[in-house]
Amino acid sequence: MLSSILLQVATEAASLTGFGAALGAGLAAIAAGIGIGKIGGSAMDGIARQPDAASDIRTNMIIAAALIEGVALFAVVVCGFIL
């Protein structure tokens, strides 16, 4: 009796684990897109206000976008390992 209940709980937990991993990967991708979009928009605003600092702003924008993309890729890989 107890073993059948534990088996049923383990089966349900496995299906929820897959759902959670897929949800986490999707949220990581969406959050990265929003973050990179905000960085790009802010960089364009900064360049429009101070065109002389365009190269510095562009460099910082690329570094920040790469860091966000790296974190998002790490999150998606971890969610893939969970599956």
Protein backbone atom coordinates (compact mmCIF):
# COMPACT_ATOMS: atom_id res chain seq x y z
CA MET A 1 0.00 0.00 0.00
CA LEU A 2 2.67 2.50 1.03
CA SER A 3 4.94 1.56 -1.86
CA SER A 4 2.17 2.15 -4.39
CA ILE A 5 1.49 5.60 -2.91
CA LEU A 6 5.19 6.46 -3.05
CA LEU A 7 5.40 5.26 -6.65
CA GLN A 8 2.42 7.42 -7.59
CA VAL A 9 3.95 10.50 -5.92
CA ALA A 10 7.28 9.90 -7.67
CA THR A 11 5.54 9.65 -11.05
CA GLU A 12 3.63 12.88 -10.48
CA ALA A 13 6.78 14.65 -9.29
CA ALA A 14 8.63 13.57 -12.44
CA SER A 15 5.97 15.12 -14.66
CA LEU A 16 6.05 18.33 -12.62
CA THR A 17 9.84 18.41 -12.87
CA GLY A 18 9.64 18.43 -16.66
CA PHE A 19 7.03 21.17 -16.60
CA GLY A 20 9.12 23.24 -14.20
CA ALA A 21 12.24 22.83 -16.32
CA ALA A 22 10.43 23.87 -19.49
CA LEU A 23 8.85 26.83 -17.72
CA GLY A 24 12.23 27.89 -16.32
CA ALA A 25 13.90 27.73 -19.74
CA GLY A 26 11.11 29.79 -21.28
CA LEU A 27 11.25 32.40 -18.54
CA ALA A 28 15.03 32.66 -18.87
CA ALA A 29 14.76 33.27 -22.61
CA ILE A 30 12.00 35.86 -22.20
CA ALA A 31 13.86 37.67 -19.41
CA ALA A 32 17.05 37.78 -21.49
CA GLY A 33 15.15 39.26 -24.42
CA ILE A 34 13.60 41.93 -22.23
CA GLY A 35 16.95 42.74 -20.60
CA ILE A 36 18.82 43.05 -23.88
CA GLY A 37 15.98 45.17 -25.30
CA LYS A 38 16.19 47.55 -22.37
CA ILE A 39 19.96 47.78 -22.71
CA GLY A 40 19.69 48.53 -26.42
CA GLY A 41 17.00 51.17 -25.90
CA SER A 42 18.93 52.88 -23.13
CA ALA A 43 22.10 52.82 -25.20
CA MET A 44 20.32 54.45 -28.13
CA ASP A 45 18.95 57.14 -25.81
CA GLY A 46 22.42 57.75 -24.41
CA ILE A 47 23.98 57.96 -27.86
CA ALA A 48 21.25 60.37 -28.98
CA ARG A 49 21.97 62.63 -26.01
CA GLN A 50 25.77 62.45 -26.23
CA PRO A 51 26.96 61.41 -29.70
CA ASP A 52 30.59 61.94 -28.67
CA ALA A 53 30.39 59.06 -26.19
CA ALA A 54 28.92 56.63 -28.71
CA SER A 55 31.93 54.29 -28.78
CA ASP A 56 32.07 53.99 -24.97
CA ILE A 57 28.31 53.44 -24.72
CA ARG A 58 28.38 50.84 -27.49
CA THR A 59 31.23 48.95 -25.82
CA ASN A 60 29.46 48.87 -22.47
CA MET A 61 26.20 47.83 -24.17
CA ILE A 62 27.86 44.88 -25.88
CA ILE A 63 29.53 43.73 -22.66
CA ALA A 64 26.26 43.95 -20.69
CA ALA A 65 24.32 42.14 -23.44
CA ALA A 66 26.93 39.36 -23.52
CA LEU A 67 26.71 38.91 -19.76
CA ILE A 68 22.91 38.72 -19.87
CA GLU A 69 23.05 36.25 -22.75
CA GLY A 70 25.55 34.11 -20.85
CA VAL A 71 23.35 33.94 -17.78
CA ALA A 72 20.33 33.07 -19.92
CA LEU A 73 22.25 30.32 -21.71
CA PHE A 74 23.41 28.93 -18.37
CA ALA A 75 19.80 28.90 -17.12
CA VAL A 76 18.56 27.11 -20.23
CA VAL A 77 21.35 24.51 -19.98
CA VAL A 78 20.56 23.85 -16.31
CA CYS A 79 16.87 23.43 -17.19
CA GLY A 80 17.88 21.06 -19.97
CA PHE A 81 19.88 18.96 -17.53
CA ILE A 82 16.86 18.79 -15.25
CA LEU A 83 14.84 17.25 -18.07
